[in-house]
Amino acid sequence: MVIETRTPEETFALGERIGRNARPGQIYTLVGDLGVGKTVFTQGVAAGLDIHEPISSPTFTIIQEYESGRLPFYHFDVYRIGDIEEMEEIGYDDYFFGEGICLIEWANLIEEILPENLIKVRIEKDLQQGFDYRRITIEGMDGEEGADIK
């Protein structure tokens, strides 16, 4: 599924719809260049999970945990991961195979430990379409979920 947004608010709203439809145990991978809107999208997902605390990228901590919403939300940023062993040290499998939602920024850097059943989100810019234009590709959602997102 490909969705185009033209403002940060539309990108946030898409994330919010995904958060509202998220189910326990889902893993979302999030890939896109720096400054493409990954954090805005993630803030939307958190809002859709009824999390009202500030959401920021956990670049230096690898993971931020949010337990105040309708489901636990685990926000990973693995950009600075030097070795997969760092993921093992934080007990990634407890998060990946738990009852919460995982969203992993820069997931392409840890592909070898990702489970097969996940939802892939890619955000891309196209400056010819405008500064705030985003092309968001989502793979791995079933038909019912996808219908609720569009």
C-alpha atoms as a PDB file:
ATOM      1  CA  MET A   1       0.000   0.000   0.000  1.00  0.00           C
ATOM      2  CA  VAL A   2       1.327   3.460  -0.896  1.00  0.00           C
ATOM      3  CA  ILE A   3      -0.005   6.590   0.784  1.00  0.00           C
ATOM      4  CA  GLU A   4       1.059  10.117  -0.097  1.00  0.00           C
ATOM      5  CA  THR A   5       1.019  12.893   2.487  1.00  0.00           C
ATOM      6  CA  ARG A   6       1.640  16.564   1.821  1.00  0.00           C
ATOM      7  CA  THR A   7       1.986  17.970   5.346  1.00  0.00           C
ATOM      8  CA  PRO A   8       3.488  16.812   8.642  1.00  0.00           C
ATOM      9  CA  GLU A   9      -0.067  16.791  10.021  1.00  0.00           C
ATOM     10  CA  GLU A  10      -1.129  14.251   7.378  1.00  0.00           C
ATOM     11  CA  THR A  11       1.905  12.080   8.195  1.00  0.00           C
ATOM     12  CA  PHE A  12       0.995  12.291  11.899  1.00  0.00           C
ATOM     13  CA  ALA A  13      -2.644  11.397  11.105  1.00  0.00           C
ATOM     14  CA  LEU A  14      -1.550   8.303   9.161  1.00  0.00           C
ATOM     15  CA  GLY A  15       0.539   7.170  12.133  1.00  0.00           C
ATOM     16  CA  GLU A  16      -2.429   7.837  14.405  1.00  0.00           C
ATOM     17  CA  ARG A  17      -4.711   5.606  12.302  1.00  0.00           C
ATOM     18  CA  ILE A  18      -2.097   2.856  12.447  1.00  0.00           C
ATOM     19  CA  GLY A  19      -1.854   3.217  16.227  1.00  0.00           C
ATOM     20  CA  ARG A  20      -5.637   3.013  16.616  1.00  0.00           C
ATOM     21  CA  ASN A  21      -5.675  -0.248  14.629  1.00  0.00           C
ATOM     22  CA  ALA A  22      -2.531  -1.768  16.180  1.00  0.00           C
ATOM     23  CA  ARG A  23      -2.825  -5.157  17.862  1.00  0.00           C
ATOM     24  CA  PRO A  24      -0.713  -6.733  20.613  1.00  0.00           C
ATOM     25  CA  GLY A  25       2.527  -8.272  19.386  1.00  0.00           C
ATOM     26  CA  GLN A  26       2.803  -6.288  16.158  1.00  0.00           C
ATOM     27  CA  ILE A  27       6.224  -5.123  15.027  1.00  0.00           C
ATOM     28  CA  TYR A  28       6.556  -2.146  12.701  1.00  0.00           C
ATOM     29  CA  THR A  29       9.843  -1.389  11.000  1.00  0.00           C
ATOM     30  CA  LEU A  30      10.396   2.217   9.979  1.00  0.00           C
ATOM     31  CA  VAL A  31      12.965   3.178   7.370  1.00  0.00           C
ATOM     32  CA  GLY A  32      13.710   6.550   5.820  1.00  0.00           C
ATOM     33  CA  ASP A  33      16.447   9.132   5.523  1.00  0.00           C
ATOM     34  CA  LEU A  34      17.222  11.638   8.281  1.00  0.00           C
ATOM     35  CA  GLY A  35      14.591  14.349   8.433  1.00  0.00           C
ATOM     36  CA  VAL A  36      11.981  12.441   6.449  1.00  0.00           C
ATOM     37  CA  GLY A  37       9.370  12.430   9.229  1.00  0.00           C
ATOM     38  CA  LYS A  38       9.934   9.191  11.130  1.00  0.00           C
ATOM     39  CA  THR A  39       9.473  10.901  14.490  1.00  0.00           C
ATOM     40  CA  VAL A  40       6.288  12.701  13.364  1.00  0.00           C
ATOM     41  CA  PHE A  41       4.894   9.370  12.135  1.00  0.00           C
ATOM     42  CA  THR A  42       5.877   7.699  15.427  1.00  0.00           C
ATOM     43  CA  GLN A  43       4.224  10.475  17.442  1.00  0.00           C
ATOM     44  CA  GLY A  44       1.053   9.747  15.479  1.00  0.00           C
ATOM     45  CA  VAL A  45       1.260   6.018  16.253  1.00  0.00           C
ATOM     46  CA  ALA A  46       1.630   6.848  19.949  1.00  0.00           C
ATOM     47  CA  ALA A  47      -1.379   9.198  19.809  1.00  0.00           C
ATOM     48  CA  GLY A  48      -3.396   6.396  18.206  1.00  0.00           C
ATOM     49  CA  LEU A  49      -2.435   4.195  21.161  1.00  0.00           C
ATOM     50  CA  ASP A  50      -3.750   6.906  23.548  1.00  0.00           C
ATOM     51  CA  ILE A  51      -0.264   7.811  24.751  1.00  0.00           C
ATOM     52  CA  HIS A  52      -0.188  11.490  25.657  1.00  0.00           C
ATOM     53  CA  GLU A  53       3.354  11.932  26.940  1.00  0.00           C
ATOM     54  CA  PRO A  54       6.026  13.512  24.704  1.00  0.00           C
ATOM     55  CA  ILE A  55       7.510  11.143  22.111  1.00  0.00           C
ATOM     56  CA  SER A  56      11.058  11.677  20.915  1.00  0.00           C
ATOM     57  CA  SER A  57      13.530   9.535  19.055  1.00  0.00           C
ATOM     58  CA  PRO A  58      15.537   7.333  21.463  1.00  0.00           C
ATOM     59  CA  THR A  59      18.751   7.743  19.461  1.00  0.00           C
ATOM     60  CA  PHE A  60      21.091   7.506  22.447  1.00  0.00           C
ATOM     61  CA  THR A  61      19.102   5.055  24.582  1.00  0.00           C
ATOM     62  CA  ILE A  62      18.085   2.636  21.775  1.00  0.00           C
ATOM     63  CA  ILE A  63      14.605   2.150  23.273  1.00  0.00           C
ATOM     64  CA  GLN A  64      11.903   4.241  24.901  1.00  0.00           C
ATOM     65  CA  GLU A  65       9.088   2.432  26.691  1.00  0.00           C
ATOM     66  CA  TYR A  66       5.607   3.908  26.972  1.00  0.00           C
ATOM     67  CA  GLU A  67       3.167   2.022  29.180  1.00  0.00           C
ATOM     68  CA  SER A  68       0.430   4.651  29.581  1.00  0.00           C
ATOM     69  CA  GLY A  69      -1.642   3.836  26.475  1.00  0.00           C
ATOM     70  CA  ARG A  70      -4.113   1.113  25.578  1.00  0.00           C
ATOM     71  CA  LEU A  71      -1.122  -1.135  24.708  1.00  0.00           C
ATOM     72  CA  PRO A  72       2.535  -0.912  25.728  1.00  0.00           C
ATOM     73  CA  PHE A  73       4.557   0.903  23.043  1.00  0.00           C
ATOM     74  CA  TYR A  74       8.249   0.175  22.532  1.00  0.00           C
ATOM     75  CA  HIS A  75      10.015   2.697  20.312  1.00  0.00           C
ATOM     76  CA  PHE A  76      13.445   1.574  19.121  1.00  0.00           C
ATOM     77  CA  ASP A  77      16.010   3.679  17.281  1.00  0.00           C
ATOM     78  CA  VAL A  78      18.864   1.396  16.256  1.00  0.00           C
ATOM     79  CA  TYR A  79      20.762   3.975  14.175  1.00  0.00           C
ATOM     80  CA  ARG A  80      23.733   3.937  16.552  1.00  0.00           C
ATOM     81  CA  ILE A  81      23.814   0.161  17.117  1.00  0.00           C
ATOM     82  CA  GLY A  82      27.380  -0.995  16.638  1.00  0.00           C
ATOM     83  CA  ASP A  83      26.751  -4.703  17.042  1.00  0.00           C
ATOM     84  CA  ILE A  84      23.714  -6.983  17.264  1.00  0.00           C
ATOM     85  CA  GLU A  85      24.948  -8.014  20.719  1.00  0.00           C
ATOM     86  CA  GLU A  86      23.762  -4.604  21.958  1.00  0.00           C
ATOM     87  CA  MET A  87      20.209  -5.655  21.071  1.00  0.00           C
ATOM     88  CA  GLU A  88      20.700  -8.896  22.995  1.00  0.00           C
ATOM     89  CA  GLU A  89      21.949  -6.934  26.006  1.00  0.00           C
ATOM     90  CA  ILE A  90      18.709  -4.940  26.186  1.00  0.00           C
ATOM     91  CA  GLY A  91      16.625  -8.112  25.829  1.00  0.00           C
ATOM     92  CA  TYR A  92      15.051  -7.237  22.489  1.00  0.00           C
ATOM     93  CA  ASP A  93      13.204 -10.557  22.267  1.00  0.00           C
ATOM     94  CA  ASP A  94      11.137  -9.700  25.370  1.00  0.00           C
ATOM     95  CA  TYR A  95       9.867  -6.669  23.471  1.00  0.00           C
ATOM     96  CA  PHE A  96       9.547  -8.308  20.046  1.00  0.00           C
ATOM     97  CA  PHE A  97       7.557 -11.257  21.380  1.00  0.00           C
ATOM     98  CA  GLY A  98       5.593  -9.495  24.133  1.00  0.00           C
ATOM     99  CA  GLU A  99       2.105  -8.041  24.275  1.00  0.00           C
ATOM    100  CA  GLY A 100       3.025  -4.515  23.231  1.00  0.00           C
ATOM    101  CA  ILE A 101       3.673  -2.773  19.926  1.00  0.00           C
ATOM    102  CA  CYS A 102       7.256  -2.361  18.683  1.00  0.00           C
ATOM    103  CA  LEU A 103       8.245   0.360  16.249  1.00  0.00           C
ATOM    104  CA  ILE A 104      11.861   0.124  15.091  1.00  0.00           C
ATOM    105  CA  GLU A 105      13.524   3.059  13.342  1.00  0.00           C
ATOM    106  CA  TRP A 106      16.446   2.142  11.045  1.00  0.00           C
ATOM    107  CA  ALA A 107      15.318  -1.497  11.213  1.00  0.00           C
ATOM    108  CA  ASN A 108      17.377  -2.327   8.119  1.00  0.00           C
ATOM    109  CA  LEU A 109      20.449  -2.239  10.397  1.00  0.00           C
ATOM    110  CA  ILE A 110      19.240  -5.245  12.437  1.00  0.00           C
ATOM    111  CA  GLU A 111      17.508  -7.317   9.758  1.00  0.00           C
ATOM    112  CA  GLU A 112      19.171 -10.537  10.855  1.00  0.00           C
ATOM    113  CA  ILE A 113      17.293 -10.592  14.192  1.00  0.00           C
ATOM    114  CA  LEU A 114      13.894  -9.392  12.969  1.00  0.00           C
ATOM    115  CA  PRO A 115      11.077 -11.933  12.920  1.00  0.00           C
ATOM    116  CA  GLU A 116       9.390 -12.711   9.610  1.00  0.00           C
ATOM    117  CA  ASN A 117       5.930 -11.459  10.512  1.00  0.00           C
ATOM    118  CA  LEU A 118       6.263  -7.694  10.645  1.00  0.00           C
ATOM    119  CA  ILE A 119       4.864  -4.561   9.046  1.00  0.00           C
ATOM    120  CA  LYS A 120       7.351  -2.570   7.004  1.00  0.00           C
ATOM    121  CA  VAL A 121       6.966   1.191   6.678  1.00  0.00           C
ATOM    122  CA  ARG A 122       9.195   3.231   4.354  1.00  0.00           C
ATOM    123  CA  ILE A 123       8.978   7.028   4.220  1.00  0.00           C
ATOM    124  CA  GLU A 124      10.508   8.852   1.260  1.00  0.00           C
ATOM    125  CA  LYS A 125      10.726  12.491   0.175  1.00  0.00           C
ATOM    126  CA  ASP A 126      10.323  13.788  -3.355  1.00  0.00           C
ATOM    127  CA  LEU A 127      11.254  17.459  -3.425  1.00  0.00           C
ATOM    128  CA  GLN A 128       9.805  17.818  -6.916  1.00  0.00           C
ATOM    129  CA  GLN A 129       6.413  17.152  -5.317  1.00  0.00           C
ATOM    130  CA  GLY A 130       7.018  19.767  -2.586  1.00  0.00           C
ATOM    131  CA  PHE A 131       9.060  20.180   0.577  1.00  0.00           C
ATOM    132  CA  ASP A 132       6.557  18.372   2.835  1.00  0.00           C
ATOM    133  CA  TYR A 133       5.521  15.670   0.362  1.00  0.00           C
ATOM    134  CA  ARG A 134       6.045  12.106   1.652  1.00  0.00           C
ATOM    135  CA  ARG A 135       5.528   8.783  -0.088  1.00  0.00           C
ATOM    136  CA  ILE A 136       4.800   6.201   2.602  1.00  0.00           C
ATOM    137  CA  THR A 137       4.911   2.547   1.602  1.00  0.00           C
ATOM    138  CA  ILE A 138       3.415  -0.008   3.993  1.00  0.00           C
ATOM    139  CA  GLU A 139       3.922  -3.745   3.488  1.00  0.00           C
ATOM    140  CA  GLY A 140       2.684  -6.642   5.592  1.00  0.00           C
ATOM    141  CA  MET A 141      -0.737  -5.451   6.722  1.00  0.00           C
ATOM    142  CA  ASP A 142      -3.653  -7.743   6.120  1.00  0.00           C
ATOM    143  CA  GLY A 143      -6.546  -6.521   3.972  1.00  0.00           C
ATOM    144  CA  GLU A 144      -8.795  -5.551   6.876  1.00  0.00           C
ATOM    145  CA  GLU A 145      -6.064  -3.528   8.597  1.00  0.00           C
ATOM    146  CA  GLY A 146      -5.079  -1.821   5.377  1.00  0.00           C
ATOM    147  CA  ALA A 147      -8.672  -0.820   4.648  1.00  0.00           C
ATOM    148  CA  ASP A 148      -8.867   0.915   8.043  1.00  0.00           C
ATOM    149  CA  ILE A 149      -5.640   2.827   7.407  1.00  0.00           C
ATOM    150  CA  LYS A 150      -6.323   4.360   4.001  1.00  0.00           C
END
